[in-house]
Amino acid sequence: MAQPRETDRAKRVRHSWSEAQAKTDWRERAIWYVYIIRSVAHPDQEYVGASEDLKQRIADHNARKSAHTSKYTPWKLIWYCGFPDKYRALAFEKYLKSHSGRAFAKKRLL
């Protein structure tokens, strides 16, 4: 049986997409991180967050630049995960902050 022929337009779309994909090296894309930190002084306190610059964000938490975490400094990073785009990271952060997400984190991540 003969294979269906690809149209000229389909070839152009496929070719332009693969060129654009090749030009966008994975190292050039921003990685977003979802992280969990734990207070050293108050080990029962944990915080879930998301950031594009994880090292700077942890430094900001320890420098008391976040109202939600300033009372419990210093903080220690206990878990993180990278995501290819901001929206997936923010969706997973929202999940981890939910009741079922906290149970998942307690059972599987911590």
PDB file of N, CA and C in Angstrom:
ATOM      1  N   MET A   1       0.839  -1.172   0.000  1.00  0.00           N
ATOM      2  CA  MET A   1       0.000   0.000   0.000  1.00  0.00           C
ATOM      3  C   MET A   1       0.892   1.247   0.000  1.00  0.00           C
ATOM      4  N   ALA A   2       0.566   2.197  -0.790  1.00  0.00           N
ATOM      5  CA  ALA A   2       1.366   3.416  -0.915  1.00  0.00           C
ATOM      6  C   ALA A   2       1.136   4.329   0.285  1.00  0.00           C
ATOM      7  N   GLN A   3       2.209   4.981   0.713  1.00  0.00           N
ATOM      8  CA  GLN A   3       2.128   5.932   1.809  1.00  0.00           C
ATOM      9  C   GLN A   3       1.504   7.232   1.313  1.00  0.00           C
ATOM     10  N   PRO A   4       0.700   7.912   2.145  1.00  0.00           N
ATOM     11  CA  PRO A   4       0.148   9.194   1.717  1.00  0.00           C
ATOM     12  C   PRO A   4       1.281  10.205   1.515  1.00  0.00           C
ATOM     13  N   ARG A   5       1.140  11.029   0.499  1.00  0.00           N
ATOM     14  CA  ARG A   5       2.182  12.002   0.178  1.00  0.00           C
ATOM     15  C   ARG A   5       2.022  13.240   1.052  1.00  0.00           C
ATOM     16  N   GLU A   6       3.143  13.751   1.475  1.00  0.00           N
ATOM     17  CA  GLU A   6       3.147  14.943   2.300  1.00  0.00           C
ATOM     18  C   GLU A   6       3.009  16.166   1.392  1.00  0.00           C
ATOM     19  N   THR A   7       2.120  17.058   1.755  1.00  0.00           N
ATOM     20  CA  THR A   7       1.919  18.260   0.940  1.00  0.00           C
ATOM     21  C   THR A   7       3.101  19.205   1.095  1.00  0.00           C
ATOM     22  N   ASP A   8       3.245  20.132   0.125  1.00  0.00           N
ATOM     23  CA  ASP A   8       4.325  21.111   0.207  1.00  0.00           C
ATOM     24  C   ASP A   8       4.196  21.973   1.461  1.00  0.00           C
ATOM     25  N   ARG A   9       2.956  22.354   1.788  1.00  0.00           N
ATOM     26  CA  ARG A   9       2.748  23.187   2.982  1.00  0.00           C
ATOM     27  C   ARG A   9       3.155  22.423   4.235  1.00  0.00           C
ATOM     28  N   ALA A  10       2.801  21.171   4.329  1.00  0.00           N
ATOM     29  CA  ALA A  10       3.160  20.352   5.493  1.00  0.00           C
ATOM     30  C   ALA A  10       4.676  20.221   5.610  1.00  0.00           C
ATOM     31  N   LYS A  11       5.358  20.087   4.482  1.00  0.00           N
ATOM     32  CA  LYS A  11       6.820  20.010   4.492  1.00  0.00           C
ATOM     33  C   LYS A  11       7.422  21.315   5.018  1.00  0.00           C
ATOM     34  N   ARG A  12       6.873  22.465   4.560  1.00  0.00           N
ATOM     35  CA  ARG A  12       7.390  23.751   5.009  1.00  0.00           C
ATOM     36  C   ARG A  12       7.174  23.938   6.509  1.00  0.00           C
ATOM     37  N   VAL A  13       5.996  23.569   6.996  1.00  0.00           N
ATOM     38  CA  VAL A  13       5.691  23.714   8.420  1.00  0.00           C
ATOM     39  C   VAL A  13       6.621  22.816   9.236  1.00  0.00           C
ATOM     40  N   ARG A  14       6.774  21.566   8.818  1.00  0.00           N
ATOM     41  CA  ARG A  14       7.644  20.634   9.532  1.00  0.00           C
ATOM     42  C   ARG A  14       9.078  21.132   9.530  1.00  0.00           C
ATOM     43  N   HIS A  15       9.535  21.615   8.393  1.00  0.00           N
ATOM     44  CA  HIS A  15      10.907  22.087   8.266  1.00  0.00           C
ATOM     45  C   HIS A  15      11.137  23.344   9.112  1.00  0.00           C
ATOM     46  N   SER A  16      10.217  24.300   9.074  1.00  0.00           N
ATOM     47  CA  SER A  16      10.407  25.522   9.846  1.00  0.00           C
ATOM     48  C   SER A  16      10.346  25.232  11.344  1.00  0.00           C
ATOM     49  N   TRP A  17       9.506  24.297  11.746  1.00  0.00           N
ATOM     50  CA  TRP A  17       9.433  23.940  13.162  1.00  0.00           C
ATOM     51  C   TRP A  17      10.739  23.294  13.606  1.00  0.00           C
ATOM     52  N   SER A  18      11.283  22.384  12.822  1.00  0.00           N
ATOM     53  CA  SER A  18      12.518  21.715  13.228  1.00  0.00           C
ATOM     54  C   SER A  18      13.691  22.688  13.233  1.00  0.00           C
ATOM     55  N   GLU A  19      13.698  23.669  12.337  1.00  0.00           N
ATOM     56  CA  GLU A  19      14.756  24.690  12.364  1.00  0.00           C
ATOM     57  C   GLU A  19      14.666  25.519  13.633  1.00  0.00           C
ATOM     58  N   ALA A  20      13.458  25.932  13.971  1.00  0.00           N
ATOM     59  CA  ALA A  20      13.272  26.731  15.182  1.00  0.00           C
ATOM     60  C   ALA A  20      13.660  25.916  16.413  1.00  0.00           C
ATOM     61  N   GLN A  21      13.316  24.646  16.425  1.00  0.00           N
ATOM     62  CA  GLN A  21      13.647  23.775  17.546  1.00  0.00           C
ATOM     63  C   GLN A  21      15.159  23.638  17.669  1.00  0.00           C
ATOM     64  N   ALA A  22      15.851  23.484  16.545  1.00  0.00           N
ATOM     65  CA  ALA A  22      17.299  23.334  16.557  1.00  0.00           C
ATOM     66  C   ALA A  22      17.983  24.610  17.036  1.00  0.00           C
ATOM     67  N   LYS A  23      17.422  25.771  16.694  1.00  0.00           N
ATOM     68  CA  LYS A  23      18.027  27.037  17.095  1.00  0.00           C
ATOM     69  C   LYS A  23      17.875  27.285  18.595  1.00  0.00           C
ATOM     70  N   THR A  24      16.843  26.740  19.183  1.00  0.00           N
ATOM     71  CA  THR A  24      16.598  26.929  20.607  1.00  0.00           C
ATOM     72  C   THR A  24      17.271  25.794  21.360  1.00  0.00           C
ATOM     73  N   ASP A  25      18.491  26.008  21.757  1.00  0.00           N
ATOM     74  CA  ASP A  25      19.239  25.016  22.506  1.00  0.00           C
ATOM     75  C   ASP A  25      18.632  24.888  23.893  1.00  0.00           C
ATOM     76  N   TRP A  26      18.619  23.707  24.453  1.00  0.00           N
ATOM     77  CA  TRP A  26      17.991  23.500  25.757  1.00  0.00           C
ATOM     78  C   TRP A  26      18.652  24.325  26.852  1.00  0.00           C
ATOM     79  N   ARG A  27      19.938  24.640  26.701  1.00  0.00           N
ATOM     80  CA  ARG A  27      20.617  25.435  27.718  1.00  0.00           C
ATOM     81  C   ARG A  27      20.181  26.886  27.707  1.00  0.00           C
ATOM     82  N   GLU A  28      19.582  27.342  26.614  1.00  0.00           N
ATOM     83  CA  GLU A  28      19.126  28.724  26.527  1.00  0.00           C
ATOM     84  C   GLU A  28      17.753  28.917  27.156  1.00  0.00           C
ATOM     85  N   ARG A  29      17.012  27.849  27.337  1.00  0.00           N
ATOM     86  CA  ARG A  29      15.678  27.951  27.929  1.00  0.00           C
ATOM     87  C   ARG A  29      15.797  28.088  29.437  1.00  0.00           C
ATOM     88  N   ALA A  30      14.916  28.856  30.011  1.00  0.00           N
ATOM     89  CA  ALA A  30      14.914  29.042  31.461  1.00  0.00           C
ATOM     90  C   ALA A  30      14.334  27.812  32.132  1.00  0.00           C
ATOM     91  N   ILE A  31      14.973  27.382  33.184  1.00  0.00           N
ATOM     92  CA  ILE A  31      14.462  26.287  34.000  1.00  0.00           C
ATOM     93  C   ILE A  31      13.821  26.910  35.233  1.00  0.00           C
ATOM     94  N   TRP A  32      12.633  26.479  35.547  1.00  0.00           N
ATOM     95  CA  TRP A  32      11.947  26.931  36.745  1.00  0.00           C
ATOM     96  C   TRP A  32      12.018  25.818  37.776  1.00  0.00           C
ATOM     97  N   TYR A  33      12.232  26.190  39.016  1.00  0.00           N
ATOM     98  CA  TYR A  33      12.398  25.231  40.092  1.00  0.00           C
ATOM     99  C   TYR A  33      11.260  25.349  41.089  1.00  0.00           C
ATOM    100  N   VAL A  34      10.779  24.215  41.529  1.00  0.00           N
ATOM    101  CA  VAL A  34       9.867  24.137  42.664  1.00  0.00           C
ATOM    102  C   VAL A  34      10.714  23.578  43.791  1.00  0.00           C
ATOM    103  N   TYR A  35      10.617  24.172  44.967  1.00  0.00           N
ATOM    104  CA  TYR A  35      11.501  23.771  46.052  1.00  0.00           C
ATOM    105  C   TYR A  35      10.753  23.702  47.373  1.00  0.00           C
ATOM    106  N   ILE A  36      11.336  22.958  48.290  1.00  0.00           N
ATOM    107  CA  ILE A  36      10.835  22.895  49.655  1.00  0.00           C
ATOM    108  C   ILE A  36      12.017  23.223  50.556  1.00  0.00           C
ATOM    109  N   ILE A  37      11.802  24.190  51.445  1.00  0.00           N
ATOM    110  CA  ILE A  37      12.820  24.541  52.421  1.00  0.00           C
ATOM    111  C   ILE A  37      12.277  24.272  53.821  1.00  0.00           C
ATOM    112  N   ARG A  38      13.203  24.012  54.749  1.00  0.00           N
ATOM    113  CA  ARG A  38      12.816  23.749  56.136  1.00  0.00           C
ATOM    114  C   ARG A  38      13.608  24.690  57.043  1.00  0.00           C
ATOM    115  N   SER A  39      12.949  25.208  58.048  1.00  0.00           N
ATOM    116  CA  SER A  39      13.605  26.083  59.011  1.00  0.00           C
ATOM    117  C   SER A  39      14.560  25.263  59.876  1.00  0.00           C
ATOM    118  N   VAL A  40      15.769  25.768  60.034  1.00  0.00           N
ATOM    119  CA  VAL A  40      16.745  25.103  60.898  1.00  0.00           C
ATOM    120  C   VAL A  40      16.362  25.300  62.361  1.00  0.00           C
ATOM    121  N   ALA A  41      15.942  26.505  62.708  1.00  0.00           N
ATOM    122  CA  ALA A  41      15.572  26.830  64.090  1.00  0.00           C
ATOM    123  C   ALA A  41      14.236  26.221  64.512  1.00  0.00           C
ATOM    124  N   HIS A  42      13.319  26.057  63.549  1.00  0.00           N
ATOM    125  CA  HIS A  42      11.985  25.506  63.814  1.00  0.00           C
ATOM    126  C   HIS A  42      11.715  24.394  62.794  1.00  0.00           C
ATOM    127  N   PRO A  43      12.222  23.173  63.041  1.00  0.00           N
ATOM    128  CA  PRO A  43      12.151  22.099  62.035  1.00  0.00           C
ATOM    129  C   PRO A  43      10.739  21.697  61.601  1.00  0.00           C
ATOM    130  N   ASP A  44       9.728  22.091  62.356  1.00  0.00           N
ATOM    131  CA  ASP A  44       8.358  21.776  61.950  1.00  0.00           C
ATOM    132  C   ASP A  44       7.837  22.745  60.884  1.00  0.00           C
ATOM    133  N   GLN A  45       8.577  23.818  60.601  1.00  0.00           N
ATOM    134  CA  GLN A  45       8.159  24.806  59.605  1.00  0.00           C
ATOM    135  C   GLN A  45       8.808  24.496  58.251  1.00  0.00           C
ATOM    136  N   GLU A  46       7.955  24.343  57.238  1.00  0.00           N
ATOM    137  CA  GLU A  46       8.428  24.131  55.872  1.00  0.00           C
ATOM    138  C   GLU A  46       7.740  25.129  54.959  1.00  0.00           C
ATOM    139  N   TYR A  47       8.372  25.405  53.839  1.00  0.00           N
ATOM    140  CA  TYR A  47       7.825  26.351  52.873  1.00  0.00           C
ATOM    141  C   TYR A  47       8.026  25.788  51.477  1.00  0.00           C
ATOM    142  N   VAL A  48       7.003  25.876  50.649  1.00  0.00           N
ATOM    143  CA  VAL A  48       7.060  25.446  49.250  1.00  0.00           C
ATOM    144  C   VAL A  48       7.043  26.692  48.386  1.00  0.00           C
ATOM    145  N   GLY A  49       7.939  26.757  47.412  1.00  0.00           N
ATOM    146  CA  GLY A  49       7.990  27.908  46.526  1.00  0.00           C
ATOM    147  C   GLY A  49       8.462  27.526  45.140  1.00  0.00           C
ATOM    148  N   ALA A  50       8.463  28.509  44.240  1.00  0.00           N
ATOM    149  CA  ALA A  50       8.936  28.311  42.868  1.00  0.00           C
ATOM    150  C   ALA A  50       9.758  29.524  42.473  1.00  0.00           C
ATOM    151  N   SER A  51      10.808  29.286  41.699  1.00  0.00           N
ATOM    152  CA  SER A  51      11.676  30.381  41.288  1.00  0.00           C
ATOM    153  C   SER A  51      12.484  29.979  40.062  1.00  0.00           C
ATOM    154  N   GLU A  52      12.887  30.987  39.308  1.00  0.00           N
ATOM    155  CA  GLU A  52      13.762  30.761  38.169  1.00  0.00           C
ATOM    156  C   GLU A  52      15.225  30.724  38.613  1.00  0.00           C
ATOM    157  N   ASP A  53      15.541  31.409  39.701  1.00  0.00           N
ATOM    158  CA  ASP A  53      16.901  31.455  40.236  1.00  0.00           C
ATOM    159  C   ASP A  53      16.871  30.905  41.661  1.00  0.00           C
ATOM    160  N   LEU A  54      17.095  29.633  41.795  1.00  0.00           N
ATOM    161  CA  LEU A  54      16.937  28.948  43.079  1.00  0.00           C
ATOM    162  C   LEU A  54      17.938  29.431  44.122  1.00  0.00           C
ATOM    163  N   LYS A  55      19.203  29.563  43.743  1.00  0.00           N
ATOM    164  CA  LYS A  55      20.212  30.009  44.714  1.00  0.00           C
ATOM    165  C   LYS A  55      19.881  31.385  45.278  1.00  0.00           C
ATOM    166  N   GLN A  56      19.488  32.301  44.404  1.00  0.00           N
ATOM    167  CA  GLN A  56      19.146  33.652  44.856  1.00  0.00           C
ATOM    168  C   GLN A  56      17.898  33.638  45.728  1.00  0.00           C
ATOM    169  N   ARG A  57      16.937  32.804  45.381  1.00  0.00           N
ATOM    170  CA  ARG A  57      15.692  32.758  46.151  1.00  0.00           C
ATOM    171  C   ARG A  57      15.936  32.237  47.567  1.00  0.00           C
ATOM    172  N   ILE A  58      16.788  31.219  47.708  1.00  0.00           N
ATOM    173  CA  ILE A  58      17.115  30.703  49.040  1.00  0.00           C
ATOM    174  C   ILE A  58      17.848  31.787  49.835  1.00  0.00           C
ATOM    175  N   ALA A  59      18.765  32.489  49.177  1.00  0.00           N
ATOM    176  CA  ALA A  59      19.480  33.590  49.831  1.00  0.00           C
ATOM    177  C   ALA A  59      18.495  34.673  50.277  1.00  0.00           C
ATOM    178  N   ASP A  60      17.492  34.961  49.456  1.00  0.00           N
ATOM    179  CA  ASP A  60      16.473  35.955  49.826  1.00  0.00           C
ATOM    180  C   ASP A  60      15.673  35.507  51.048  1.00  0.00           C
ATOM    181  N   HIS A  61      15.321  34.219  51.096  1.00  0.00           N
ATOM    182  CA  HIS A  61      14.600  33.713  52.272  1.00  0.00           C
ATOM    183  C   HIS A  61      15.453  33.904  53.529  1.00  0.00           C
ATOM    184  N   ASN A  62      16.736  33.573  53.444  1.00  0.00           N
ATOM    185  CA  ASN A  62      17.615  33.684  54.604  1.00  0.00           C
ATOM    186  C   ASN A  62      17.960  35.125  54.954  1.00  0.00           C
ATOM    187  N   ALA A  63      17.799  36.033  53.994  1.00  0.00           N
ATOM    188  CA  ALA A  63      18.032  37.455  54.249  1.00  0.00           C
ATOM    189  C   ALA A  63      16.750  38.154  54.711  1.00  0.00           C
ATOM    190  N   ARG A  64      15.716  37.378  54.996  1.00  0.00           N
ATOM    191  CA  ARG A  64      14.434  37.889  55.494  1.00  0.00           C
ATOM    192  C   ARG A  64      13.725  38.825  54.523  1.00  0.00           C
ATOM    193  N   LYS A  65      13.876  38.555  53.226  1.00  0.00           N
ATOM    194  CA  LYS A  65      13.221  39.382  52.214  1.00  0.00           C
ATOM    195  C   LYS A  65      11.807  38.904  51.888  1.00  0.00           C
ATOM    196  N   SER A  66      11.400  37.805  52.474  1.00  0.00           N
ATOM    197  CA  SER A  66      10.055  37.280  52.266  1.00  0.00           C
ATOM    198  C   SER A  66       9.289  37.355  53.579  1.00  0.00           C
ATOM    199  N   ALA A  67       8.144  38.003  53.544  1.00  0.00           N
ATOM    200  CA  ALA A  67       7.341  38.161  54.756  1.00  0.00           C
ATOM    201  C   ALA A  67       6.874  36.816  55.314  1.00  0.00           C
ATOM    202  N   HIS A  68       6.638  35.854  54.435  1.00  0.00           N
ATOM    203  CA  HIS A  68       6.114  34.554  54.870  1.00  0.00           C
ATOM    204  C   HIS A  68       7.157  33.704  55.573  1.00  0.00           C
ATOM    205  N   THR A  69       8.426  33.952  55.310  1.00  0.00           N
ATOM    206  CA  THR A  69       9.462  33.098  55.875  1.00  0.00           C
ATOM    207  C   THR A  69      10.423  33.816  56.820  1.00  0.00           C
ATOM    208  N   SER A  70      10.273  35.096  56.977  1.00  0.00           N
ATOM    209  CA  SER A  70      11.260  35.874  57.744  1.00  0.00           C
ATOM    210  C   SER A  70      11.344  35.481  59.221  1.00  0.00           C
ATOM    211  N   LYS A  71      10.251  35.037  59.829  1.00  0.00           N
ATOM    212  CA  LYS A  71      10.255  34.708  61.255  1.00  0.00           C
ATOM    213  C   LYS A  71      11.034  33.439  61.587  1.00  0.00           C
ATOM    214  N   TYR A  72      11.223  32.587  60.578  1.00  0.00           N
ATOM    215  CA  TYR A  72      11.763  31.261  60.859  1.00  0.00           C
ATOM    216  C   TYR A  72      13.160  31.032  60.281  1.00  0.00           C
ATOM    217  N   THR A  73      13.911  32.089  59.996  1.00  0.00           N
ATOM    218  CA  THR A  73      15.253  31.925  59.441  1.00  0.00           C
ATOM    219  C   THR A  73      16.165  31.288  60.491  1.00  0.00           C
ATOM    220  N   PRO A  74      17.186  30.595  60.091  1.00  0.00           N
ATOM    221  CA  PRO A  74      17.652  30.305  58.731  1.00  0.00           C
ATOM    222  C   PRO A  74      16.911  29.113  58.119  1.00  0.00           C
ATOM    223  N   TRP A  75      16.947  29.058  56.795  1.00  0.00           N
ATOM    224  CA  TRP A  75      16.277  28.014  56.029  1.00  0.00           C
ATOM    225  C   TRP A  75      17.303  27.114  55.356  1.00  0.00           C
ATOM    226  N   LYS A  76      16.930  25.847  55.195  1.00  0.00           N
ATOM    227  CA  LYS A  76      17.783  24.876  54.524  1.00  0.00           C
ATOM    228  C   LYS A  76      16.970  24.235  53.401  1.00  0.00           C
ATOM    229  N   LEU A  77      17.556  24.158  52.224  1.00  0.00           N
ATOM    230  CA  LEU A  77      16.892  23.516  51.084  1.00  0.00           C
ATOM    231  C   LEU A  77      16.860  22.011  51.329  1.00  0.00           C
ATOM    232  N   ILE A  78      15.663  21.424  51.252  1.00  0.00           N
ATOM    233  CA  ILE A  78      15.570  19.980  51.473  1.00  0.00           C
ATOM    234  C   ILE A  78      15.136  19.216  50.224  1.00  0.00           C
ATOM    235  N   TRP A  79      14.510  19.919  49.246  1.00  0.00           N
ATOM    236  CA  TRP A  79      14.102  19.242  48.013  1.00  0.00           C
ATOM    237  C   TRP A  79      13.861  20.284  46.935  1.00  0.00           C
ATOM    238  N   TYR A  80      14.202  19.937  45.687  1.00  0.00           N
ATOM    239  CA  TYR A  80      13.845  20.792  44.547  1.00  0.00           C
ATOM    240  C   TYR A  80      13.732  19.956  43.295  1.00  0.00           C
ATOM    241  N   CYS A  81      13.044  20.516  42.310  1.00  0.00           N
ATOM    242  CA  CYS A  81      12.849  19.854  41.024  1.00  0.00           C
ATOM    243  C   CYS A  81      12.772  20.923  39.942  1.00  0.00           C
ATOM    244  N   GLY A  82      13.414  20.673  38.792  1.00  0.00           N
ATOM    245  CA  GLY A  82      13.399  21.622  37.685  1.00  0.00           C
ATOM    246  C   GLY A  82      12.287  21.316  36.701  1.00  0.00           C
ATOM    247  N   PHE A  83      11.707  22.356  36.124  1.00  0.00           N
ATOM    248  CA  PHE A  83      10.643  22.234  35.137  1.00  0.00           C
ATOM    249  C   PHE A  83      11.021  23.031  33.888  1.00  0.00           C
ATOM    250  N   PRO A  84      10.605  22.571  32.715  1.00  0.00           N
ATOM    251  CA  PRO A  84      10.984  23.258  31.476  1.00  0.00           C
ATOM    252  C   PRO A  84      10.279  24.583  31.251  1.00  0.00           C
ATOM    253  N   ASP A  85       9.189  24.826  31.951  1.00  0.00           N
ATOM    254  CA  ASP A  85       8.527  26.117  31.790  1.00  0.00           C
ATOM    255  C   ASP A  85       7.855  26.558  33.095  1.00  0.00           C
ATOM    256  N   LYS A  86       7.620  27.834  33.167  1.00  0.00           N
ATOM    257  CA  LYS A  86       7.085  28.478  34.364  1.00  0.00           C
ATOM    258  C   LYS A  86       5.718  27.923  34.761  1.00  0.00           C
ATOM    259  N   TYR A  87       4.854  27.696  33.791  1.00  0.00           N
ATOM    260  CA  TYR A  87       3.480  27.317  34.092  1.00  0.00           C
ATOM    261  C   TYR A  87       3.378  25.922  34.704  1.00  0.00           C
ATOM    262  N   ARG A  88       4.205  25.001  34.249  1.00  0.00           N
ATOM    263  CA  ARG A  88       4.223  23.665  34.868  1.00  0.00           C
ATOM    264  C   ARG A  88       4.752  23.742  36.289  1.00  0.00           C
ATOM    265  N   ALA A  89       5.784  24.554  36.485  1.00  0.00           N
ATOM    266  CA  ALA A  89       6.348  24.707  37.824  1.00  0.00           C
ATOM    267  C   ALA A  89       5.324  25.314  38.777  1.00  0.00           C
ATOM    268  N   LEU A  90       4.636  26.357  38.335  1.00  0.00           N
ATOM    269  CA  LEU A  90       3.646  26.997  39.204  1.00  0.00           C
ATOM    270  C   LEU A  90       2.468  26.079  39.496  1.00  0.00           C
ATOM    271  N   ALA A  91       2.099  25.262  38.531  1.00  0.00           N
ATOM    272  CA  ALA A  91       1.011  24.297  38.760  1.00  0.00           C
ATOM    273  C   ALA A  91       1.430  23.253  39.789  1.00  0.00           C
ATOM    274  N   PHE A  92       2.681  22.773  39.718  1.00  0.00           N
ATOM    275  CA  PHE A  92       3.148  21.783  40.685  1.00  0.00           C
ATOM    276  C   PHE A  92       3.316  22.413  42.067  1.00  0.00           C
ATOM    277  N   GLU A  93       3.769  23.658  42.119  1.00  0.00           N
ATOM    278  CA  GLU A  93       3.870  24.362  43.399  1.00  0.00           C
ATOM    279  C   GLU A  93       2.487  24.463  44.045  1.00  0.00           C
ATOM    280  N   LYS A  94       1.501  24.829  43.252  1.00  0.00           N
ATOM    281  CA  LYS A  94       0.128  24.942  43.766  1.00  0.00           C
ATOM    282  C   LYS A  94      -0.358  23.592  44.292  1.00  0.00           C
ATOM    283  N   TYR A  95      -0.038  22.532  43.566  1.00  0.00           N
ATOM    284  CA  TYR A  95      -0.421  21.193  44.018  1.00  0.00           C
ATOM    285  C   TYR A  95       0.250  20.855  45.349  1.00  0.00           C
ATOM    286  N   LEU A  96       1.560  21.117  45.466  1.00  0.00           N
ATOM    287  CA  LEU A  96       2.264  20.795  46.709  1.00  0.00           C
ATOM    288  C   LEU A  96       1.732  21.581  47.903  1.00  0.00           C
ATOM    289  N   LYS A  97       1.135  22.726  47.653  1.00  0.00           N
ATOM    290  CA  LYS A  97       0.566  23.527  48.732  1.00  0.00           C
ATOM    291  C   LYS A  97      -0.846  23.067  49.108  1.00  0.00           C
ATOM    292  N   SER A  98      -1.420  22.189  48.310  1.00  0.00           N
ATOM    293  CA  SER A  98      -2.762  21.662  48.609  1.00  0.00           C
ATOM    294  C   SER A  98      -2.648  20.551  49.660  1.00  0.00           C
ATOM    295  N   HIS A  99      -3.790  20.140  50.197  1.00  0.00           N
ATOM    296  CA  HIS A  99      -3.805  19.091  51.214  1.00  0.00           C
ATOM    297  C   HIS A  99      -3.220  17.787  50.660  1.00  0.00           C
ATOM    298  N   SER A 100      -3.663  17.357  49.497  1.00  0.00           N
ATOM    299  CA  SER A 100      -3.156  16.109  48.925  1.00  0.00           C
ATOM    300  C   SER A 100      -1.694  16.249  48.500  1.00  0.00           C
ATOM    301  N   GLY A 101      -1.300  17.448  48.071  1.00  0.00           N
ATOM    302  CA  GLY A 101       0.090  17.677  47.703  1.00  0.00           C
ATOM    303  C   GLY A 101       1.015  17.599  48.905  1.00  0.00           C
ATOM    304  N   ARG A 102       0.569  18.119  50.049  1.00  0.00           N
ATOM    305  CA  ARG A 102       1.380  18.011  51.265  1.00  0.00           C
ATOM    306  C   ARG A 102       1.536  16.554  51.677  1.00  0.00           C
ATOM    307  N   ALA A 103       0.466  15.775  51.546  1.00  0.00           N
ATOM    308  CA  ALA A 103       0.546  14.340  51.870  1.00  0.00           C
ATOM    309  C   ALA A 103       1.502  13.633  50.908  1.00  0.00           C
ATOM    310  N   PHE A 104       1.433  13.965  49.620  1.00  0.00           N
ATOM    311  CA  PHE A 104       2.348  13.393  48.634  1.00  0.00           C
ATOM    312  C   PHE A 104       3.795  13.744  48.971  1.00  0.00           C
ATOM    313  N   ALA A 105       4.062  14.995  49.277  1.00  0.00           N
ATOM    314  CA  ALA A 105       5.420  15.429  49.600  1.00  0.00           C
ATOM    315  C   ALA A 105       5.944  14.714  50.841  1.00  0.00           C
ATOM    316  N   LYS A 106       5.105  14.589  51.844  1.00  0.00           N
ATOM    317  CA  LYS A 106       5.517  13.931  53.075  1.00  0.00           C
ATOM    318  C   LYS A 106       5.861  12.468  52.840  1.00  0.00           C
ATOM    319  N   LYS A 107       5.074  11.810  51.991  1.00  0.00           N
ATOM    320  CA  LYS A 107       5.272  10.387  51.729  1.00  0.00           C
ATOM    321  C   LYS A 107       6.378  10.111  50.717  1.00  0.00           C
ATOM    322  N   ARG A 108       6.474  10.941  49.661  1.00  0.00           N
ATOM    323  CA  ARG A 108       7.369  10.629  48.551  1.00  0.00           C
ATOM    324  C   ARG A 108       8.622  11.494  48.436  1.00  0.00           C
ATOM    325  N   LEU A 109       8.575  12.710  48.932  1.00  0.00           N
ATOM    326  CA  LEU A 109       9.678  13.641  48.680  1.00  0.00           C
ATOM    327  C   LEU A 109      10.557  13.897  49.894  1.00  0.00           C
ATOM    328  N   LEU A 110       9.992  13.824  51.074  1.00  0.00           N
ATOM    329  CA  LEU A 110      10.746  14.205  52.285  1.00  0.00           C
ATOM    330  C   LEU A 110      11.139  13.027  53.113  1.00  0.00           C
TER     331      LEU A 110
END
